[in-house]
Amino acid sequence: MNQTVRAVGIIFCILFAIISTFLNNRFRKDLESSIQNNHPDIEKQTKKYLLFLSVTIMVIILFTIIIILLK
């Protein structure tokens, strides 16, 4: 049971890392293009990027807590 939980956790972490990298690149490119083109939605793009980073950090903290509690 314990090894099954670890295997699922590792797979989930790998998938999360891949998806986070993809979304980070997308949000960053959108923000960069908004800044370069002087779009009026720069504030909206910045908020979306900061929300994404905040959610990513919270998920990493939750993963860490779960890993510590399962040991």
PDB file of N, CA and C in Angstrom:
ATOM      1  N   MET A   1       0.829  -1.201   0.000  1.00  0.00           N
ATOM      2  CA  MET A   1       0.000   0.000   0.000  1.00  0.00           C
ATOM      3  C   MET A   1       0.864   1.252   0.000  1.00  0.00           C
ATOM      4  N   ASN A   2       1.890   1.266   0.853  1.00  0.00           N
ATOM      5  CA  ASN A   2       2.736   2.445   0.965  1.00  0.00           C
ATOM      6  C   ASN A   2       3.486   2.712  -0.343  1.00  0.00           C
ATOM      7  N   GLN A   3       3.959   1.634  -0.994  1.00  0.00           N
ATOM      8  CA  GLN A   3       4.674   1.824  -2.254  1.00  0.00           C
ATOM      9  C   GLN A   3       3.723   2.249  -3.366  1.00  0.00           C
ATOM     10  N   THR A   4       2.494   1.806  -3.315  1.00  0.00           N
ATOM     11  CA  THR A   4       1.501   2.227  -4.307  1.00  0.00           C
ATOM     12  C   THR A   4       1.233   3.717  -4.187  1.00  0.00           C
ATOM     13  N   VAL A   5       1.116   4.190  -2.958  1.00  0.00           N
ATOM     14  CA  VAL A   5       0.891   5.616  -2.726  1.00  0.00           C
ATOM     15  C   VAL A   5       2.075   6.422  -3.226  1.00  0.00           C
ATOM     16  N   ARG A   6       3.282   5.942  -2.965  1.00  0.00           N
ATOM     17  CA  ARG A   6       4.476   6.649  -3.442  1.00  0.00           C
ATOM     18  C   ARG A   6       4.541   6.665  -4.968  1.00  0.00           C
ATOM     19  N   ALA A   7       4.218   5.538  -5.600  1.00  0.00           N
ATOM     20  CA  ALA A   7       4.253   5.476  -7.066  1.00  0.00           C
ATOM     21  C   ALA A   7       3.237   6.432  -7.674  1.00  0.00           C
ATOM     22  N   VAL A   8       2.030   6.445  -7.121  1.00  0.00           N
ATOM     23  CA  VAL A   8       1.009   7.372  -7.617  1.00  0.00           C
ATOM     24  C   VAL A   8       1.446   8.810  -7.372  1.00  0.00           C
ATOM     25  N   GLY A   9       2.050   9.068  -6.225  1.00  0.00           N
ATOM     26  CA  GLY A   9       2.547  10.410  -5.914  1.00  0.00           C
ATOM     27  C   GLY A   9       3.624  10.863  -6.880  1.00  0.00           C
ATOM     28  N   ILE A  10       4.538   9.968  -7.212  1.00  0.00           N
ATOM     29  CA  ILE A  10       5.609  10.308  -8.152  1.00  0.00           C
ATOM     30  C   ILE A  10       5.038  10.592  -9.535  1.00  0.00           C
ATOM     31  N   ILE A  11       4.113   9.761  -9.985  1.00  0.00           N
ATOM     32  CA  ILE A  11       3.491   9.980 -11.299  1.00  0.00           C
ATOM     33  C   ILE A  11       2.731  11.303 -11.317  1.00  0.00           C
ATOM     34  N   PHE A  12       1.988  11.567 -10.251  1.00  0.00           N
ATOM     35  CA  PHE A  12       1.239  12.815 -10.165  1.00  0.00           C
ATOM     36  C   PHE A  12       2.175  14.022 -10.153  1.00  0.00           C
ATOM     37  N   CYS A  13       3.292  13.922  -9.437  1.00  0.00           N
ATOM     38  CA  CYS A  13       4.264  15.024  -9.393  1.00  0.00           C
ATOM     39  C   CYS A  13       4.883  15.278 -10.767  1.00  0.00           C
ATOM     40  N   ILE A  14       5.194  14.210 -11.483  1.00  0.00           N
ATOM     41  CA  ILE A  14       5.771  14.368 -12.818  1.00  0.00           C
ATOM     42  C   ILE A  14       4.767  15.032 -13.757  1.00  0.00           C
ATOM     43  N   LEU A  15       3.522  14.569 -13.728  1.00  0.00           N
ATOM     44  CA  LEU A  15       2.490  15.192 -14.567  1.00  0.00           C
ATOM     45  C   LEU A  15       2.267  16.651 -14.182  1.00  0.00           C
ATOM     46  N   PHE A  16       2.264  16.936 -12.886  1.00  0.00           N
ATOM     47  CA  PHE A  16       2.095  18.309 -12.426  1.00  0.00           C
ATOM     48  C   PHE A  16       3.241  19.192 -12.911  1.00  0.00           C
ATOM     49  N   ALA A  17       4.468  18.676 -12.865  1.00  0.00           N
ATOM     50  CA  ALA A  17       5.621  19.452 -13.319  1.00  0.00           C
ATOM     51  C   ALA A  17       5.533  19.752 -14.814  1.00  0.00           C
ATOM     52  N   ILE A  18       5.122  18.769 -15.603  1.00  0.00           N
ATOM     53  CA  ILE A  18       5.003  18.979 -17.051  1.00  0.00           C
ATOM     54  C   ILE A  18       3.922  20.008 -17.363  1.00  0.00           C
ATOM     55  N   ILE A  19       2.761  19.861 -16.734  1.00  0.00           N
ATOM     56  CA  ILE A  19       1.657  20.796 -16.979  1.00  0.00           C
ATOM     57  C   ILE A  19       2.012  22.195 -16.488  1.00  0.00           C
ATOM     58  N   SER A  20       2.663  22.285 -15.325  1.00  0.00           N
ATOM     59  CA  SER A  20       3.053  23.593 -14.790  1.00  0.00           C
ATOM     60  C   SER A  20       4.051  24.296 -15.699  1.00  0.00           C
ATOM     61  N   THR A  21       4.997  23.538 -16.235  1.00  0.00           N
ATOM     62  CA  THR A  21       5.978  24.128 -17.145  1.00  0.00           C
ATOM     63  C   THR A  21       5.296  24.661 -18.398  1.00  0.00           C
ATOM     64  N   PHE A  22       4.386  23.880 -18.958  1.00  0.00           N
ATOM     65  CA  PHE A  22       3.656  24.313 -20.150  1.00  0.00           C
ATOM     66  C   PHE A  22       2.845  25.581 -19.873  1.00  0.00           C
ATOM     67  N   LEU A  23       2.088  25.580 -18.770  1.00  0.00           N
ATOM     68  CA  LEU A  23       1.265  26.748 -18.445  1.00  0.00           C
ATOM     69  C   LEU A  23       2.113  27.967 -18.105  1.00  0.00           C
ATOM     70  N   ASN A  24       3.241  27.747 -17.427  1.00  0.00           N
ATOM     71  CA  ASN A  24       4.125  28.858 -17.091  1.00  0.00           C
ATOM     72  C   ASN A  24       4.636  29.529 -18.359  1.00  0.00           C
ATOM     73  N   ASN A  25       5.069  28.729 -19.315  1.00  0.00           N
ATOM     74  CA  ASN A  25       5.557  29.296 -20.576  1.00  0.00           C
ATOM     75  C   ASN A  25       4.454  30.057 -21.300  1.00  0.00           C
ATOM     76  N   ARG A  26       3.249  29.502 -21.301  1.00  0.00           N
ATOM     77  CA  ARG A  26       2.128  30.157 -21.990  1.00  0.00           C
ATOM     78  C   ARG A  26       1.767  31.488 -21.341  1.00  0.00           C
ATOM     79  N   PHE A  27       1.615  31.485 -20.010  1.00  0.00           N
ATOM     80  CA  PHE A  27       1.256  32.720 -19.315  1.00  0.00           C
ATOM     81  C   PHE A  27       2.360  33.766 -19.439  1.00  0.00           C
ATOM     82  N   ARG A  28       3.621  33.325 -19.365  1.00  0.00           N
ATOM     83  CA  ARG A  28       4.734  34.266 -19.470  1.00  0.00           C
ATOM     84  C   ARG A  28       4.792  34.886 -20.865  1.00  0.00           C
ATOM     85  N   LYS A  29       4.581  34.081 -21.902  1.00  0.00           N
ATOM     86  CA  LYS A  29       4.585  34.611 -23.269  1.00  0.00           C
ATOM     87  C   LYS A  29       3.439  35.589 -23.486  1.00  0.00           C
ATOM     88  N   ASP A  30       2.255  35.264 -22.947  1.00  0.00           N
ATOM     89  CA  ASP A  30       1.122  36.189 -23.054  1.00  0.00           C
ATOM     90  C   ASP A  30       1.439  37.512 -22.375  1.00  0.00           C
ATOM     91  N   LEU A  31       2.043  37.438 -21.196  1.00  0.00           N
ATOM     92  CA  LEU A  31       2.391  38.653 -20.464  1.00  0.00           C
ATOM     93  C   LEU A  31       3.451  39.455 -21.208  1.00  0.00           C
ATOM     94  N   GLU A  32       4.468  38.776 -21.737  1.00  0.00           N
ATOM     95  CA  GLU A  32       5.515  39.473 -22.487  1.00  0.00           C
ATOM     96  C   GLU A  32       4.953  40.150 -23.735  1.00  0.00           C
ATOM     97  N   SER A  33       4.077  39.475 -24.445  1.00  0.00           N
ATOM     98  CA  SER A  33       3.504  40.082 -25.649  1.00  0.00           C
ATOM     99  C   SER A  33       2.611  41.265 -25.289  1.00  0.00           C
ATOM    100  N   SER A  34       1.897  41.182 -24.173  1.00  0.00           N
ATOM    101  CA  SER A  34       1.068  42.310 -23.739  1.00  0.00           C
ATOM    102  C   SER A  34       1.930  43.511 -23.389  1.00  0.00           C
ATOM    103  N   ILE A  35       3.058  43.265 -22.739  1.00  0.00           N
ATOM    104  CA  ILE A  35       3.952  44.366 -22.366  1.00  0.00           C
ATOM    105  C   ILE A  35       4.582  44.981 -23.611  1.00  0.00           C
ATOM    106  N   GLN A  36       5.028  44.145 -24.542  1.00  0.00           N
ATOM    107  CA  GLN A  36       5.679  44.658 -25.747  1.00  0.00           C
ATOM    108  C   GLN A  36       4.713  45.440 -26.633  1.00  0.00           C
ATOM    109  N   ASN A  37       3.473  45.001 -26.705  1.00  0.00           N
ATOM    110  CA  ASN A  37       2.500  45.654 -27.582  1.00  0.00           C
ATOM    111  C   ASN A  37       1.683  46.726 -26.884  1.00  0.00           C
ATOM    112  N   ASN A  38       1.987  46.969 -25.623  1.00  0.00           N
ATOM    113  CA  ASN A  38       1.297  48.003 -24.837  1.00  0.00           C
ATOM    114  C   ASN A  38      -0.217  47.800 -24.817  1.00  0.00           C
ATOM    115  N   HIS A  39      -0.638  46.567 -24.612  1.00  0.00           N
ATOM    116  CA  HIS A  39      -2.065  46.259 -24.531  1.00  0.00           C
ATOM    117  C   HIS A  39      -2.650  46.803 -23.234  1.00  0.00           C
ATOM    118  N   PRO A  40      -3.919  47.155 -23.252  1.00  0.00           N
ATOM    119  CA  PRO A  40      -4.545  47.652 -22.021  1.00  0.00           C
ATOM    120  C   PRO A  40      -4.806  46.550 -20.991  1.00  0.00           C
ATOM    121  N   ASP A  41      -4.680  45.291 -21.384  1.00  0.00           N
ATOM    122  CA  ASP A  41      -4.954  44.200 -20.446  1.00  0.00           C
ATOM    123  C   ASP A  41      -3.698  43.671 -19.747  1.00  0.00           C
ATOM    124  N   ILE A  42      -2.677  44.512 -19.619  1.00  0.00           N
ATOM    125  CA  ILE A  42      -1.442  44.091 -18.947  1.00  0.00           C
ATOM    126  C   ILE A  42      -1.731  43.718 -17.497  1.00  0.00           C
ATOM    127  N   GLU A  43      -2.574  44.497 -16.839  1.00  0.00           N
ATOM    128  CA  GLU A  43      -2.892  44.219 -15.436  1.00  0.00           C
ATOM    129  C   GLU A  43      -3.597  42.866 -15.302  1.00  0.00           C
ATOM    130  N   LYS A  44      -4.499  42.572 -16.224  1.00  0.00           N
ATOM    131  CA  LYS A  44      -5.213  41.290 -16.203  1.00  0.00           C
ATOM    132  C   LYS A  44      -4.240  40.133 -16.420  1.00  0.00           C
ATOM    133  N   GLN A  45      -3.326  40.283 -17.371  1.00  0.00           N
ATOM    134  CA  GLN A  45      -2.333  39.245 -17.640  1.00  0.00           C
ATOM    135  C   GLN A  45      -1.416  39.042 -16.432  1.00  0.00           C
ATOM    136  N   THR A  46      -1.031  40.143 -15.784  1.00  0.00           N
ATOM    137  CA  THR A  46      -0.174  40.051 -14.601  1.00  0.00           C
ATOM    138  C   THR A  46      -0.891  39.313 -13.478  1.00  0.00           C
ATOM    139  N   LYS A  47      -2.162  39.627 -13.272  1.00  0.00           N
ATOM    140  CA  LYS A  47      -2.932  38.950 -12.223  1.00  0.00           C
ATOM    141  C   LYS A  47      -3.074  37.459 -12.511  1.00  0.00           C
ATOM    142  N   LYS A  48      -3.304  37.094 -13.773  1.00  0.00           N
ATOM    143  CA  LYS A  48      -3.415  35.681 -14.128  1.00  0.00           C
ATOM    144  C   LYS A  48      -2.100  34.951 -13.863  1.00  0.00           C
ATOM    145  N   TYR A  49      -0.986  35.584 -14.221  1.00  0.00           N
ATOM    146  CA  TYR A  49       0.318  34.956 -14.023  1.00  0.00           C
ATOM    147  C   TYR A  49       0.628  34.813 -12.535  1.00  0.00           C
ATOM    148  N   LEU A  50       0.341  35.848 -11.750  1.00  0.00           N
ATOM    149  CA  LEU A  50       0.585  35.776 -10.310  1.00  0.00           C
ATOM    150  C   LEU A  50      -0.328  34.749  -9.637  1.00  0.00           C
ATOM    151  N   LEU A  51      -1.569  34.641 -10.091  1.00  0.00           N
ATOM    152  CA  LEU A  51      -2.475  33.626  -9.557  1.00  0.00           C
ATOM    153  C   LEU A  51      -1.951  32.227  -9.868  1.00  0.00           C
ATOM    154  N   PHE A  52      -1.471  32.037 -11.084  1.00  0.00           N
ATOM    155  CA  PHE A  52      -0.904  30.744 -11.461  1.00  0.00           C
ATOM    156  C   PHE A  52       0.291  30.397 -10.582  1.00  0.00           C
ATOM    157  N   LEU A  53       1.192  31.370 -10.370  1.00  0.00           N
ATOM    158  CA  LEU A  53       2.360  31.111  -9.531  1.00  0.00           C
ATOM    159  C   LEU A  53       1.954  30.815  -8.091  1.00  0.00           C
ATOM    160  N   SER A  54       0.961  31.529  -7.586  1.00  0.00           N
ATOM    161  CA  SER A  54       0.491  31.299  -6.214  1.00  0.00           C
ATOM    162  C   SER A  54      -0.105  29.901  -6.056  1.00  0.00           C
ATOM    163  N   VAL A  55      -0.923  29.496  -7.010  1.00  0.00           N
ATOM    164  CA  VAL A  55      -1.522  28.156  -6.952  1.00  0.00           C
ATOM    165  C   VAL A  55      -0.441  27.085  -7.051  1.00  0.00           C
ATOM    166  N   THR A  56       0.547  27.306  -7.902  1.00  0.00           N
ATOM    167  CA  THR A  56       1.644  26.353  -8.033  1.00  0.00           C
ATOM    168  C   THR A  56       2.390  26.200  -6.714  1.00  0.00           C
ATOM    169  N   ILE A  57       2.677  27.311  -6.058  1.00  0.00           N
ATOM    170  CA  ILE A  57       3.383  27.263  -4.777  1.00  0.00           C
ATOM    171  C   ILE A  57       2.539  26.553  -3.719  1.00  0.00           C
ATOM    172  N   MET A  58       1.238  26.816  -3.694  1.00  0.00           N
ATOM    173  CA  MET A  58       0.363  26.157  -2.717  1.00  0.00           C
ATOM    174  C   MET A  58       0.316  24.641  -2.951  1.00  0.00           C
ATOM    175  N   VAL A  59       0.270  24.214  -4.199  1.00  0.00           N
ATOM    176  CA  VAL A  59       0.250  22.779  -4.497  1.00  0.00           C
ATOM    177  C   VAL A  59       1.567  22.134  -4.083  1.00  0.00           C
ATOM    178  N   ILE A  60       2.676  22.814  -4.317  1.00  0.00           N
ATOM    179  CA  ILE A  60       3.978  22.285  -3.902  1.00  0.00           C
ATOM    180  C   ILE A  60       4.035  22.149  -2.385  1.00  0.00           C
ATOM    181  N   ILE A  61       3.517  23.135  -1.667  1.00  0.00           N
ATOM    182  CA  ILE A  61       3.484  23.058  -0.205  1.00  0.00           C
ATOM    183  C   ILE A  61       2.617  21.885   0.247  1.00  0.00           C
ATOM    184  N   LEU A  62       1.453  21.696  -0.386  1.00  0.00           N
ATOM    185  CA  LEU A  62       0.590  20.564  -0.033  1.00  0.00           C
ATOM    186  C   LEU A  62       1.267  19.224  -0.316  1.00  0.00           C
ATOM    187  N   PHE A  63       1.951  19.100  -1.462  1.00  0.00           N
ATOM    188  CA  PHE A  63       2.694  17.875  -1.763  1.00  0.00           C
ATOM    189  C   PHE A  63       3.721  17.600  -0.674  1.00  0.00           C
ATOM    190  N   THR A  64       4.446  18.642  -0.275  1.00  0.00           N
ATOM    191  CA  THR A  64       5.479  18.485   0.743  1.00  0.00           C
ATOM    192  C   THR A  64       4.877  18.026   2.065  1.00  0.00           C
ATOM    193  N   ILE A  65       3.773  18.627   2.465  1.00  0.00           N
ATOM    194  CA  ILE A  65       3.121  18.236   3.716  1.00  0.00           C
ATOM    195  C   ILE A  65       2.642  16.790   3.646  1.00  0.00           C
ATOM    196  N   ILE A  66       2.049  16.400   2.526  1.00  0.00           N
ATOM    197  CA  ILE A  66       1.568  15.021   2.379  1.00  0.00           C
ATOM    198  C   ILE A  66       2.725  14.036   2.429  1.00  0.00           C
ATOM    199  N   ILE A  67       3.825  14.366   1.761  1.00  0.00           N
ATOM    200  CA  ILE A  67       4.988  13.474   1.768  1.00  0.00           C
ATOM    201  C   ILE A  67       5.550  13.344   3.179  1.00  0.00           C
ATOM    202  N   ILE A  68       5.616  14.452   3.912  1.00  0.00           N
ATOM    203  CA  ILE A  68       6.136  14.406   5.280  1.00  0.00           C
ATOM    204  C   ILE A  68       5.212  13.580   6.173  1.00  0.00           C
ATOM    205  N   LEU A  69       3.906  13.738   6.018  1.00  0.00           N
ATOM    206  CA  LEU A  69       2.963  13.004   6.861  1.00  0.00           C
ATOM    207  C   LEU A  69       2.920  11.511   6.545  1.00  0.00           C
ATOM    208  N   LEU A  70       3.218  11.122   5.313  1.00  0.00           N
ATOM    209  CA  LEU A  70       3.164   9.710   4.943  1.00  0.00           C
ATOM    210  C   LEU A  70       4.418   8.934   5.330  1.00  0.00           C
ATOM    211  N   LYS A  71       5.465   9.618   5.748  1.00  0.00           N
ATOM    212  CA  LYS A  71       6.698   8.904   6.109  1.00  0.00           C
ATOM    213  C   LYS A  71       6.567   8.214   7.397  1.00  0.00           C
TER     214      LYS A  71
END
